[in-house]
């Protein structure tokens, strides 16, 4: 089922779903540059809404790190030098009232272009 490098990210997403982290969907991959993940039922957003109500910023910290880690695993340098080659932002979050959470992972040096 894994025919190209990018297919591994779909495999990682399937494992994350099995762990109960949310319903992760790979929206877009630009090889070696960018990953966009969408999560319709993030437990982090649900927990924040239940406890605190609507937020003014994204609250899915673990999933944001997961998005960056997926790209680090596939395109980053060998461990430990490859850690943090990518960073992610969460432009949309259900905790803010958005319909889903979305994460955009890019090369760490490209984060200003999200």
PDB file of N, CA and C in Angstrom:
ATOM      1  N   UNK A   1       0.811  -1.195   0.000  1.00  0.00           N
ATOM      2  CA  UNK A   1       0.000   0.000   0.000  1.00  0.00           C
ATOM      3  C   UNK A   1       0.858   1.263   0.000  1.00  0.00           C
ATOM      4  N   UNK A   2       2.097   1.130   0.418  1.00  0.00           N
ATOM      5  CA  UNK A   2       2.991   2.291   0.416  1.00  0.00           C
ATOM      6  C   UNK A   2       3.834   2.222  -0.843  1.00  0.00           C
ATOM      7  N   UNK A   3       3.472   3.055  -1.786  1.00  0.00           N
ATOM      8  CA  UNK A   3       4.161   3.075  -3.076  1.00  0.00           C
ATOM      9  C   UNK A   3       5.151   4.220  -3.191  1.00  0.00           C
ATOM     10  N   UNK A   4       4.921   5.293  -2.448  1.00  0.00           N
ATOM     11  CA  UNK A   4       5.827   6.432  -2.469  1.00  0.00           C
ATOM     12  C   UNK A   4       5.982   6.940  -1.039  1.00  0.00           C
ATOM     13  N   UNK A   5       6.983   7.720  -0.834  1.00  0.00           N
ATOM     14  CA  UNK A   5       7.336   8.203   0.499  1.00  0.00           C
ATOM     15  C   UNK A   5       6.154   8.865   1.216  1.00  0.00           C
ATOM     16  N   UNK A   6       5.391   9.656   0.489  1.00  0.00           N
ATOM     17  CA  UNK A   6       4.278  10.400   1.080  1.00  0.00           C
ATOM     18  C   UNK A   6       3.180   9.479   1.609  1.00  0.00           C
ATOM     19  N   UNK A   7       3.066   8.270   1.082  1.00  0.00           N
ATOM     20  CA  UNK A   7       2.054   7.322   1.555  1.00  0.00           C
ATOM     21  C   UNK A   7       2.267   6.965   3.025  1.00  0.00           C
ATOM     22  N   UNK A   8       3.494   7.096   3.502  1.00  0.00           N
ATOM     23  CA  UNK A   8       3.776   6.802   4.905  1.00  0.00           C
ATOM     24  C   UNK A   8       3.004   7.735   5.832  1.00  0.00           C
ATOM     25  N   UNK A   9       2.790   8.970   5.405  1.00  0.00           N
ATOM     26  CA  UNK A   9       2.059   9.916   6.248  1.00  0.00           C
ATOM     27  C   UNK A   9       0.615   9.456   6.422  1.00  0.00           C
ATOM     28  N   UNK A  10       0.017   8.909   5.372  1.00  0.00           N
ATOM     29  CA  UNK A  10      -1.334   8.353   5.518  1.00  0.00           C
ATOM     30  C   UNK A  10      -1.333   7.194   6.507  1.00  0.00           C
ATOM     31  N   UNK A  11      -0.291   6.394   6.491  1.00  0.00           N
ATOM     32  CA  UNK A  11      -0.149   5.320   7.470  1.00  0.00           C
ATOM     33  C   UNK A  11      -0.018   5.855   8.881  1.00  0.00           C
ATOM     34  N   UNK A  12       0.791   6.888   9.060  1.00  0.00           N
ATOM     35  CA  UNK A  12       0.930   7.517  10.377  1.00  0.00           C
ATOM     36  C   UNK A  12      -0.427   8.038  10.860  1.00  0.00           C
ATOM     37  N   UNK A  13      -1.184   8.674   9.946  1.00  0.00           N
ATOM     38  CA  UNK A  13      -2.499   9.226  10.305  1.00  0.00           C
ATOM     39  C   UNK A  13      -3.441   8.108  10.740  1.00  0.00           C
ATOM     40  N   UNK A  14      -3.389   6.970  10.061  1.00  0.00           N
ATOM     41  CA  UNK A  14      -4.244   5.836  10.429  1.00  0.00           C
ATOM     42  C   UNK A  14      -3.913   5.341  11.835  1.00  0.00           C
ATOM     43  N   UNK A  15      -2.644   5.312  12.177  1.00  0.00           N
ATOM     44  CA  UNK A  15      -2.242   4.900  13.526  1.00  0.00           C
ATOM     45  C   UNK A  15      -2.756   5.910  14.553  1.00  0.00           C
ATOM     46  N   UNK A  16      -2.657   7.193  14.252  1.00  0.00           N
ATOM     47  CA  UNK A  16      -3.144   8.229  15.166  1.00  0.00           C
ATOM     48  C   UNK A  16      -4.651   8.085  15.396  1.00  0.00           C
ATOM     49  N   UNK A  17      -5.396   7.748  14.347  1.00  0.00           N
ATOM     50  CA  UNK A  17      -6.833   7.507  14.489  1.00  0.00           C
ATOM     51  C   UNK A  17      -7.062   6.319  15.427  1.00  0.00           C
ATOM     52  N   UNK A  18      -6.293   5.245  15.242  1.00  0.00           N
ATOM     53  CA  UNK A  18      -6.422   4.064  16.093  1.00  0.00           C
ATOM     54  C   UNK A  18      -6.103   4.387  17.553  1.00  0.00           C
ATOM     55  N   UNK A  19      -5.183   5.326  17.786  1.00  0.00           N
ATOM     56  CA  UNK A  19      -4.853   5.749  19.149  1.00  0.00           C
ATOM     57  C   UNK A  19      -5.958   6.604  19.776  1.00  0.00           C
ATOM     58  N   UNK A  20      -6.916   7.055  18.963  1.00  0.00           N
ATOM     59  CA  UNK A  20      -8.001   7.879  19.471  1.00  0.00           C
ATOM     60  C   UNK A  20      -7.698   9.359  19.509  1.00  0.00           C
ATOM     61  N   UNK A  21      -6.714   9.779  18.741  1.00  0.00           N
ATOM     62  CA  UNK A  21      -6.324  11.189  18.750  1.00  0.00           C
ATOM     63  C   UNK A  21      -7.260  12.064  17.920  1.00  0.00           C
ATOM     64  N   UNK A  22      -8.138  11.472  17.156  1.00  0.00           N
ATOM     65  CA  UNK A  22      -9.072  12.207  16.313  1.00  0.00           C
ATOM     66  C   UNK A  22      -9.150  11.559  14.954  1.00  0.00           C
ATOM     67  N   UNK A  23     -10.039  12.066  14.144  1.00  0.00           N
ATOM     68  CA  UNK A  23     -10.211  11.550  12.786  1.00  0.00           C
ATOM     69  C   UNK A  23      -9.314  12.361  11.852  1.00  0.00           C
ATOM     70  N   UNK A  24      -8.053  11.964  11.728  1.00  0.00           N
ATOM     71  CA  UNK A  24      -7.075  12.708  10.932  1.00  0.00           C
ATOM     72  C   UNK A  24      -7.262  12.436   9.451  1.00  0.00           C
ATOM     73  N   UNK A  25      -7.256  13.485   8.674  1.00  0.00           N
ATOM     74  CA  UNK A  25      -7.367  13.383   7.219  1.00  0.00           C
ATOM     75  C   UNK A  25      -6.220  14.173   6.596  1.00  0.00           C
ATOM     76  N   UNK A  26      -5.485  13.532   5.716  1.00  0.00           N
ATOM     77  CA  UNK A  26      -4.427  14.231   4.985  1.00  0.00           C
ATOM     78  C   UNK A  26      -5.097  15.006   3.859  1.00  0.00           C
ATOM     79  N   UNK A  27      -5.016  16.329   3.920  1.00  0.00           N
ATOM     80  CA  UNK A  27      -5.650  17.195   2.930  1.00  0.00           C
ATOM     81  C   UNK A  27      -4.719  17.471   1.768  1.00  0.00           C
ATOM     82  N   UNK A  28      -3.437  17.706   2.092  1.00  0.00           N
ATOM     83  CA  UNK A  28      -2.489  18.122   1.062  1.00  0.00           C
ATOM     84  C   UNK A  28      -1.068  17.822   1.520  1.00  0.00           C
ATOM     85  N   UNK A  29      -0.280  17.305   0.606  1.00  0.00           N
ATOM     86  CA  UNK A  29       1.148  17.124   0.865  1.00  0.00           C
ATOM     87  C   UNK A  29       1.920  17.692  -0.318  1.00  0.00           C
ATOM     88  N   UNK A  30       2.846  18.585  -0.028  1.00  0.00           N
ATOM     89  CA  UNK A  30       3.810  19.047  -1.016  1.00  0.00           C
ATOM     90  C   UNK A  30       5.135  18.436  -0.567  1.00  0.00           C
ATOM     91  N   UNK A  31       5.622  17.427  -1.276  1.00  0.00           N
ATOM     92  CA  UNK A  31       6.803  16.695  -0.824  1.00  0.00           C
ATOM     93  C   UNK A  31       7.950  17.609  -0.372  1.00  0.00           C
ATOM     94  N   UNK A  32       8.463  17.297   0.807  1.00  0.00           N
ATOM     95  CA  UNK A  32       9.586  17.986   1.435  1.00  0.00           C
ATOM     96  C   UNK A  32       9.297  19.423   1.834  1.00  0.00           C
ATOM     97  N   UNK A  33       8.055  19.889   1.650  1.00  0.00           N
ATOM     98  CA  UNK A  33       7.759  21.296   1.949  1.00  0.00           C
ATOM     99  C   UNK A  33       6.598  21.507   2.901  1.00  0.00           C
ATOM    100  N   UNK A  34       5.464  20.839   2.675  1.00  0.00           N
ATOM    101  CA  UNK A  34       4.256  21.212   3.416  1.00  0.00           C
ATOM    102  C   UNK A  34       3.303  20.036   3.558  1.00  0.00           C
ATOM    103  N   UNK A  35       2.666  19.966   4.722  1.00  0.00           N
ATOM    104  CA  UNK A  35       1.613  18.997   5.005  1.00  0.00           C
ATOM    105  C   UNK A  35       0.439  19.738   5.617  1.00  0.00           C
ATOM    106  N   UNK A  36      -0.760  19.446   5.139  1.00  0.00           N
ATOM    107  CA  UNK A  36      -1.980  20.000   5.729  1.00  0.00           C
ATOM    108  C   UNK A  36      -2.835  18.829   6.207  1.00  0.00           C
ATOM    109  N   UNK A  37      -3.095  18.787   7.520  1.00  0.00           N
ATOM    110  CA  UNK A  37      -3.944  17.767   8.132  1.00  0.00           C
ATOM    111  C   UNK A  37      -5.218  18.418   8.644  1.00  0.00           C
ATOM    112  N   UNK A  38      -6.322  17.692   8.555  1.00  0.00           N
ATOM    113  CA  UNK A  38      -7.594  18.156   9.093  1.00  0.00           C
ATOM    114  C   UNK A  38      -8.073  17.114  10.099  1.00  0.00           C
ATOM    115  N   UNK A  39      -8.570  17.581  11.234  1.00  0.00           N
ATOM    116  CA  UNK A  39      -9.058  16.693  12.282  1.00  0.00           C
ATOM    117  C   UNK A  39     -10.455  17.165  12.675  1.00  0.00           C
ATOM    118  N   UNK A  40     -11.443  16.295  12.459  1.00  0.00           N
ATOM    119  CA  UNK A  40     -12.824  16.698  12.706  1.00  0.00           C
ATOM    120  C   UNK A  40     -13.240  16.544  14.163  1.00  0.00           C
ATOM    121  N   UNK A  41     -12.538  15.729  14.924  1.00  0.00           N
ATOM    122  CA  UNK A  41     -12.970  15.462  16.298  1.00  0.00           C
ATOM    123  C   UNK A  41     -11.801  15.420  17.283  1.00  0.00           C
ATOM    124  N   UNK A  42     -10.977  16.418  17.252  1.00  0.00           N
ATOM    125  CA  UNK A  42      -9.820  16.470  18.151  1.00  0.00           C
ATOM    126  C   UNK A  42     -10.267  16.407  19.606  1.00  0.00           C
ATOM    127  N   UNK A  43      -9.700  15.466  20.349  1.00  0.00           N
ATOM    128  CA  UNK A  43     -10.048  15.373  21.765  1.00  0.00           C
ATOM    129  C   UNK A  43      -9.540  16.593  22.532  1.00  0.00           C
ATOM    130  N   UNK A  44      -8.481  17.229  22.040  1.00  0.00           N
ATOM    131  CA  UNK A  44      -7.972  18.423  22.717  1.00  0.00           C
ATOM    132  C   UNK A  44      -8.967  19.575  22.594  1.00  0.00           C
ATOM    133  N   UNK A  45      -9.511  19.785  21.414  1.00  0.00           N
ATOM    134  CA  UNK A  45     -10.495  20.845  21.209  1.00  0.00           C
ATOM    135  C   UNK A  45     -11.765  20.549  22.002  1.00  0.00           C
ATOM    136  N   UNK A  46     -12.212  19.302  21.953  1.00  0.00           N
ATOM    137  CA  UNK A  46     -13.426  18.924  22.694  1.00  0.00           C
ATOM    138  C   UNK A  46     -13.249  19.161  24.191  1.00  0.00           C
ATOM    139  N   UNK A  47     -12.120  18.743  24.726  1.00  0.00           N
ATOM    140  CA  UNK A  47     -11.854  18.930  26.146  1.00  0.00           C
ATOM    141  C   UNK A  47     -11.792  20.395  26.542  1.00  0.00           C
ATOM    142  N   UNK A  48     -11.159  21.203  25.693  1.00  0.00           N
ATOM    143  CA  UNK A  48     -11.067  22.624  25.998  1.00  0.00           C
ATOM    144  C   UNK A  48     -12.456  23.262  25.996  1.00  0.00           C
ATOM    145  N   UNK A  49     -13.255  22.970  24.962  1.00  0.00           N
ATOM    146  CA  UNK A  49     -14.607  23.530  24.882  1.00  0.00           C
ATOM    147  C   UNK A  49     -15.445  23.143  26.086  1.00  0.00           C
ATOM    148  N   UNK A  50     -15.363  21.889  26.479  1.00  0.00           N
ATOM    149  CA  UNK A  50     -16.155  21.403  27.616  1.00  0.00           C
ATOM    150  C   UNK A  50     -15.760  22.090  28.920  1.00  0.00           C
ATOM    151  N   UNK A  51     -14.470  22.292  29.079  1.00  0.00           N
ATOM    152  CA  UNK A  51     -13.987  22.845  30.353  1.00  0.00           C
ATOM    153  C   UNK A  51     -14.005  24.370  30.411  1.00  0.00           C
ATOM    154  N   UNK A  52     -13.650  25.023  29.282  1.00  0.00           N
ATOM    155  CA  UNK A  52     -13.452  26.475  29.315  1.00  0.00           C
ATOM    156  C   UNK A  52     -14.357  27.266  28.379  1.00  0.00           C
ATOM    157  N   UNK A  53     -14.992  26.625  27.430  1.00  0.00           N
ATOM    158  CA  UNK A  53     -15.778  27.354  26.445  1.00  0.00           C
ATOM    159  C   UNK A  53     -14.930  27.745  25.238  1.00  0.00           C
ATOM    160  N   UNK A  54     -15.426  28.658  24.444  1.00  0.00           N
ATOM    161  CA  UNK A  54     -14.767  29.033  23.193  1.00  0.00           C
ATOM    162  C   UNK A  54     -13.437  29.737  23.462  1.00  0.00           C
ATOM    163  N   UNK A  55     -12.435  29.350  22.709  1.00  0.00           N
ATOM    164  CA  UNK A  55     -11.074  29.885  22.862  1.00  0.00           C
ATOM    165  C   UNK A  55     -10.809  30.980  21.833  1.00  0.00           C
ATOM    166  N   UNK A  56      -9.750  31.729  22.057  1.00  0.00           N
ATOM    167  CA  UNK A  56      -9.345  32.742  21.081  1.00  0.00           C
ATOM    168  C   UNK A  56      -8.146  32.305  20.249  1.00  0.00           C
ATOM    169  N   UNK A  57      -7.630  31.094  20.525  1.00  0.00           N
ATOM    170  CA  UNK A  57      -6.517  30.551  19.752  1.00  0.00           C
ATOM    171  C   UNK A  57      -6.633  29.030  19.730  1.00  0.00           C
ATOM    172  N   UNK A  58      -5.877  28.401  18.830  1.00  0.00           N
ATOM    173  CA  UNK A  58      -5.901  26.949  18.729  1.00  0.00           C
ATOM    174  C   UNK A  58      -5.424  26.293  20.013  1.00  0.00           C
ATOM    175  N   UNK A  59      -6.010  25.155  20.356  1.00  0.00           N
ATOM    176  CA  UNK A  59      -5.692  24.472  21.610  1.00  0.00           C
ATOM    177  C   UNK A  59      -5.206  23.035  21.426  1.00  0.00           C
ATOM    178  N   UNK A  60      -4.964  22.627  20.201  1.00  0.00           N
ATOM    179  CA  UNK A  60      -4.572  21.241  19.928  1.00  0.00           C
ATOM    180  C   UNK A  60      -3.055  21.133  19.821  1.00  0.00           C
ATOM    181  N   UNK A  61      -2.404  21.279  20.960  1.00  0.00           N
ATOM    182  CA  UNK A  61      -0.945  21.336  20.990  1.00  0.00           C
ATOM    183  C   UNK A  61      -0.291  20.025  20.576  1.00  0.00           C
ATOM    184  N   UNK A  62      -0.830  18.912  21.064  1.00  0.00           N
ATOM    185  CA  UNK A  62      -0.222  17.635  20.708  1.00  0.00           C
ATOM    186  C   UNK A  62      -0.365  17.375  19.209  1.00  0.00           C
ATOM    187  N   UNK A  63      -1.551  17.592  18.659  1.00  0.00           N
ATOM    188  CA  UNK A  63      -1.757  17.331  17.234  1.00  0.00           C
ATOM    189  C   UNK A  63      -0.927  18.272  16.364  1.00  0.00           C
ATOM    190  N   UNK A  64      -0.714  19.478  16.824  1.00  0.00           N
ATOM    191  CA  UNK A  64       0.160  20.389  16.078  1.00  0.00           C
ATOM    192  C   UNK A  64       1.568  19.806  16.023  1.00  0.00           C
ATOM    193  N   UNK A  65       2.052  19.286  17.130  1.00  0.00           N
ATOM    194  CA  UNK A  65       3.363  18.641  17.158  1.00  0.00           C
ATOM    195  C   UNK A  65       3.405  17.379  16.319  1.00  0.00           C
ATOM    196  N   UNK A  66       2.307  16.639  16.301  1.00  0.00           N
ATOM    197  CA  UNK A  66       2.216  15.415  15.501  1.00  0.00           C
ATOM    198  C   UNK A  66       2.361  15.742  14.015  1.00  0.00           C
ATOM    199  N   UNK A  67       1.699  16.801  13.563  1.00  0.00           N
ATOM    200  CA  UNK A  67       1.789  17.186  12.146  1.00  0.00           C
ATOM    201  C   UNK A  67       3.245  17.479  11.758  1.00  0.00           C
ATOM    202  N   UNK A  68       3.940  18.230  12.594  1.00  0.00           N
ATOM    203  CA  UNK A  68       5.344  18.533  12.315  1.00  0.00           C
ATOM    204  C   UNK A  68       6.194  17.261  12.383  1.00  0.00           C
ATOM    205  N   UNK A  69       5.909  16.403  13.347  1.00  0.00           N
ATOM    206  CA  UNK A  69       6.686  15.170  13.510  1.00  0.00           C
ATOM    207  C   UNK A  69       6.522  14.238  12.312  1.00  0.00           C
ATOM    208  N   UNK A  70       5.312  14.169  11.749  1.00  0.00           N
ATOM    209  CA  UNK A  70       5.105  13.350  10.547  1.00  0.00           C
ATOM    210  C   UNK A  70       6.077  13.767   9.451  1.00  0.00           C
ATOM    211  N   UNK A  71       6.211  15.074   9.239  1.00  0.00           N
ATOM    212  CA  UNK A  71       7.115  15.573   8.200  1.00  0.00           C
ATOM    213  C   UNK A  71       8.579  15.339   8.582  1.00  0.00           C
ATOM    214  N   UNK A  72       8.914  15.527   9.870  1.00  0.00           N
ATOM    215  CA  UNK A  72      10.279  15.253  10.327  1.00  0.00           C
ATOM    216  C   UNK A  72      10.659  13.792  10.071  1.00  0.00           C
ATOM    217  N   UNK A  73       9.728  12.879  10.350  1.00  0.00           N
ATOM    218  CA  UNK A  73      10.013  11.454  10.169  1.00  0.00           C
ATOM    219  C   UNK A  73      10.298  11.099   8.711  1.00  0.00           C
ATOM    220  N   UNK A  74       9.593  11.731   7.787  1.00  0.00           N
ATOM    221  CA  UNK A  74       9.735  11.403   6.369  1.00  0.00           C
ATOM    222  C   UNK A  74      10.852  12.197   5.699  1.00  0.00           C
ATOM    223  N   UNK A  75      10.938  13.487   5.999  1.00  0.00           N
ATOM    224  CA  UNK A  75      11.844  14.367   5.259  1.00  0.00           C
ATOM    225  C   UNK A  75      12.966  14.976   6.087  1.00  0.00           C
ATOM    226  N   UNK A  76      12.942  14.835   7.387  1.00  0.00           N
ATOM    227  CA  UNK A  76      13.961  15.445   8.230  1.00  0.00           C
ATOM    228  C   UNK A  76      15.270  14.676   8.159  1.00  0.00           C
ATOM    229  N   UNK A  77      16.313  15.309   8.627  1.00  0.00           N
ATOM    230  CA  UNK A  77      17.622  14.644   8.714  1.00  0.00           C
ATOM    231  C   UNK A  77      17.533  13.509   9.737  1.00  0.00           C
ATOM    232  N   UNK A  78      18.526  12.650   9.753  1.00  0.00           N
ATOM    233  CA  UNK A  78      18.551  11.527  10.688  1.00  0.00           C
ATOM    234  C   UNK A  78      18.518  12.035  12.132  1.00  0.00           C
ATOM    235  N   UNK A  79      17.904  11.257  12.991  1.00  0.00           N
ATOM    236  CA  UNK A  79      17.829  11.581  14.411  1.00  0.00           C
ATOM    237  C   UNK A  79      19.240  11.628  15.008  1.00  0.00           C
ATOM    238  N   UNK A  80      19.545  12.544  15.879  1.00  0.00           N
ATOM    239  CA  UNK A  80      18.700  13.575  16.452  1.00  0.00           C
ATOM    240  C   UNK A  80      18.722  14.896  15.684  1.00  0.00           C
ATOM    241  N   UNK A  81      19.549  14.993  14.656  1.00  0.00           N
ATOM    242  CA  UNK A  81      19.660  16.256  13.924  1.00  0.00           C
ATOM    243  C   UNK A  81      18.380  16.625  13.186  1.00  0.00           C
ATOM    244  N   UNK A  82      17.557  15.654  12.831  1.00  0.00           N
ATOM    245  CA  UNK A  82      16.353  15.908  12.061  1.00  0.00           C
ATOM    246  C   UNK A  82      15.167  16.386  12.871  1.00  0.00           C
ATOM    247  N   UNK A  83      15.280  16.363  14.183  1.00  0.00           N
ATOM    248  CA  UNK A  83      14.181  16.869  15.009  1.00  0.00           C
ATOM    249  C   UNK A  83      14.013  18.364  14.776  1.00  0.00           C
ATOM    250  N   UNK A  84      12.781  18.765  14.639  1.00  0.00           N
ATOM    251  CA  UNK A  84      12.433  20.182  14.504  1.00  0.00           C
ATOM    252  C   UNK A  84      12.833  20.786  13.159  1.00  0.00           C
ATOM    253  N   UNK A  85      13.046  19.956  12.134  1.00  0.00           N
ATOM    254  CA  UNK A  85      13.228  20.500  10.789  1.00  0.00           C
ATOM    255  C   UNK A  85      11.927  21.139  10.311  1.00  0.00           C
ATOM    256  N   UNK A  86      10.804  20.620  10.822  1.00  0.00           N
ATOM    257  CA  UNK A  86       9.485  21.134  10.467  1.00  0.00           C
ATOM    258  C   UNK A  86       8.786  21.644  11.717  1.00  0.00           C
ATOM    259  N   UNK A  87       7.940  22.630  11.529  1.00  0.00           N
ATOM    260  CA  UNK A  87       7.096  23.166  12.595  1.00  0.00           C
ATOM    261  C   UNK A  87       5.688  23.303  12.031  1.00  0.00           C
ATOM    262  N   UNK A  88       4.702  23.296  12.897  1.00  0.00           N
ATOM    263  CA  UNK A  88       3.316  23.371  12.436  1.00  0.00           C
ATOM    264  C   UNK A  88       2.567  24.500  13.133  1.00  0.00           C
ATOM    265  N   UNK A  89       1.563  24.982  12.442  1.00  0.00           N
ATOM    266  CA  UNK A  89       0.642  25.977  12.986  1.00  0.00           C
ATOM    267  C   UNK A  89      -0.765  25.399  12.912  1.00  0.00           C
ATOM    268  N   UNK A  90      -1.662  25.938  13.709  1.00  0.00           N
ATOM    269  CA  UNK A  90      -3.058  25.499  13.728  1.00  0.00           C
ATOM    270  C   UNK A  90      -3.956  26.693  13.384  1.00  0.00           C
ATOM    271  N   UNK A  91      -4.140  26.968  12.082  1.00  0.00           N
ATOM    272  CA  UNK A  91      -4.945  28.132  11.703  1.00  0.00           C
ATOM    273  C   UNK A  91      -6.432  27.983  12.024  1.00  0.00           C
ATOM    274  N   UNK A  92      -6.930  26.751  12.065  1.00  0.00           N
ATOM    275  CA  UNK A  92      -8.338  26.496  12.384  1.00  0.00           C
ATOM    276  C   UNK A  92      -8.426  25.536  13.556  1.00  0.00           C
ATOM    277  N   UNK A  93      -9.354  25.802  14.481  1.00  0.00           N
ATOM    278  CA  UNK A  93      -9.518  24.926  15.648  1.00  0.00           C
ATOM    279  C   UNK A  93     -10.980  24.947  16.080  1.00  0.00           C
ATOM    280  N   UNK A  94     -11.518  23.771  16.342  1.00  0.00           N
ATOM    281  CA  UNK A  94     -12.898  23.690  16.819  1.00  0.00           C
ATOM    282  C   UNK A  94     -13.069  24.426  18.142  1.00  0.00           C
ATOM    283  N   UNK A  95     -12.019  24.496  18.946  1.00  0.00           N
ATOM    284  CA  UNK A  95     -12.106  25.225  20.213  1.00  0.00           C
ATOM    285  C   UNK A  95     -12.360  26.715  19.990  1.00  0.00           C
ATOM    286  N   UNK A  96     -12.021  27.215  18.797  1.00  0.00           N
ATOM    287  CA  UNK A  96     -12.279  28.622  18.449  1.00  0.00           C
ATOM    288  C   UNK A  96     -13.628  28.788  17.758  1.00  0.00           C
ATOM    289  N   UNK A  97     -14.330  27.689  17.509  1.00  0.00           N
ATOM    290  CA  UNK A  97     -15.604  27.752  16.809  1.00  0.00           C
ATOM    291  C   UNK A  97     -15.512  27.362  15.344  1.00  0.00           C
ATOM    292  N   UNK A  98     -14.331  26.984  14.882  1.00  0.00           N
ATOM    293  CA  UNK A  98     -14.174  26.529  13.500  1.00  0.00           C
ATOM    294  C   UNK A  98     -14.809  25.144  13.349  1.00  0.00           C
ATOM    295  N   UNK A  99     -15.180  24.754  12.129  1.00  0.00           N
ATOM    296  CA  UNK A  99     -15.842  23.456  11.937  1.00  0.00           C
ATOM    297  C   UNK A  99     -14.928  22.242  12.147  1.00  0.00           C
ATOM    298  N   UNK A 100     -13.614  22.454  12.113  1.00  0.00           N
ATOM    299  CA  UNK A 100     -12.636  21.386  12.315  1.00  0.00           C
ATOM    300  C   UNK A 100     -11.316  22.041  12.674  1.00  0.00           C
ATOM    301  N   UNK A 101     -10.376  21.225  13.092  1.00  0.00           N
ATOM    302  CA  UNK A 101      -9.024  21.706  13.373  1.00  0.00           C
ATOM    303  C   UNK A 101      -8.171  21.417  12.144  1.00  0.00           C
ATOM    304  N   UNK A 102      -7.297  22.335  11.815  1.00  0.00           N
ATOM    305  CA  UNK A 102      -6.415  22.137  10.668  1.00  0.00           C
ATOM    306  C   UNK A 102      -5.002  22.526  11.070  1.00  0.00           C
ATOM    307  N   UNK A 103      -4.059  21.708  10.607  1.00  0.00           N
ATOM    308  CA  UNK A 103      -2.653  21.890  10.943  1.00  0.00           C
ATOM    309  C   UNK A 103      -1.850  21.985   9.663  1.00  0.00           C
ATOM    310  N   UNK A 104      -0.950  22.958   9.610  1.00  0.00           N
ATOM    311  CA  UNK A 104      -0.086  23.143   8.452  1.00  0.00           C
ATOM    312  C   UNK A 104       1.351  23.047   8.936  1.00  0.00           C
ATOM    313  N   UNK A 105       2.036  21.999   8.476  1.00  0.00           N
ATOM    314  CA  UNK A 105       3.450  21.801   8.830  1.00  0.00           C
ATOM    315  C   UNK A 105       4.308  22.200   7.639  1.00  0.00           C
ATOM    316  N   UNK A 106       5.327  22.995   7.933  1.00  0.00           N
ATOM    317  CA  UNK A 106       6.278  23.444   6.902  1.00  0.00           C
ATOM    318  C   UNK A 106       7.683  23.396   7.480  1.00  0.00           C
ATOM    319  N   UNK A 107       8.653  23.509   6.582  1.00  0.00           N
ATOM    320  CA  UNK A 107      10.039  23.640   7.032  1.00  0.00           C
ATOM    321  C   UNK A 107      10.078  24.741   8.071  1.00  0.00           C
ATOM    322  N   UNK A 108      10.821  24.546   9.125  1.00  0.00           N
ATOM    323  CA  UNK A 108      10.865  25.526  10.217  1.00  0.00           C
ATOM    324  C   UNK A 108      11.228  26.919   9.730  1.00  0.00           C
ATOM    325  N   UNK A 109      12.081  27.021   8.738  1.00  0.00           N
ATOM    326  CA  UNK A 109      12.487  28.323   8.209  1.00  0.00           C
ATOM    327  C   UNK A 109      11.400  28.987   7.370  1.00  0.00           C
ATOM    328  N   UNK A 110      10.332  28.233   6.998  1.00  0.00           N
ATOM    329  CA  UNK A 110       9.260  28.758   6.147  1.00  0.00           C
ATOM    330  C   UNK A 110       7.995  29.098   6.916  1.00  0.00           C
ATOM    331  N   UNK A 111       7.992  29.082   8.231  1.00  0.00           N
ATOM    332  CA  UNK A 111       6.775  29.215   9.004  1.00  0.00           C
ATOM    333  C   UNK A 111       6.070  30.554   8.827  1.00  0.00           C
ATOM    334  N   UNK A 112       6.755  31.587   8.450  1.00  0.00           N
ATOM    335  CA  UNK A 112       6.095  32.878   8.269  1.00  0.00           C
ATOM    336  C   UNK A 112       5.185  32.889   7.052  1.00  0.00           C
ATOM    337  N   UNK A 113       5.231  31.845   6.222  1.00  0.00           N
ATOM    338  CA  UNK A 113       4.429  31.792   4.991  1.00  0.00           C
ATOM    339  C   UNK A 113       3.189  30.915   5.133  1.00  0.00           C
ATOM    340  N   UNK A 114       2.724  30.591   6.335  1.00  0.00           N
ATOM    341  CA  UNK A 114       1.585  29.674   6.524  1.00  0.00           C
ATOM    342  C   UNK A 114       0.375  30.256   5.868  1.00  0.00           C
TER     343      UNK A 114
END
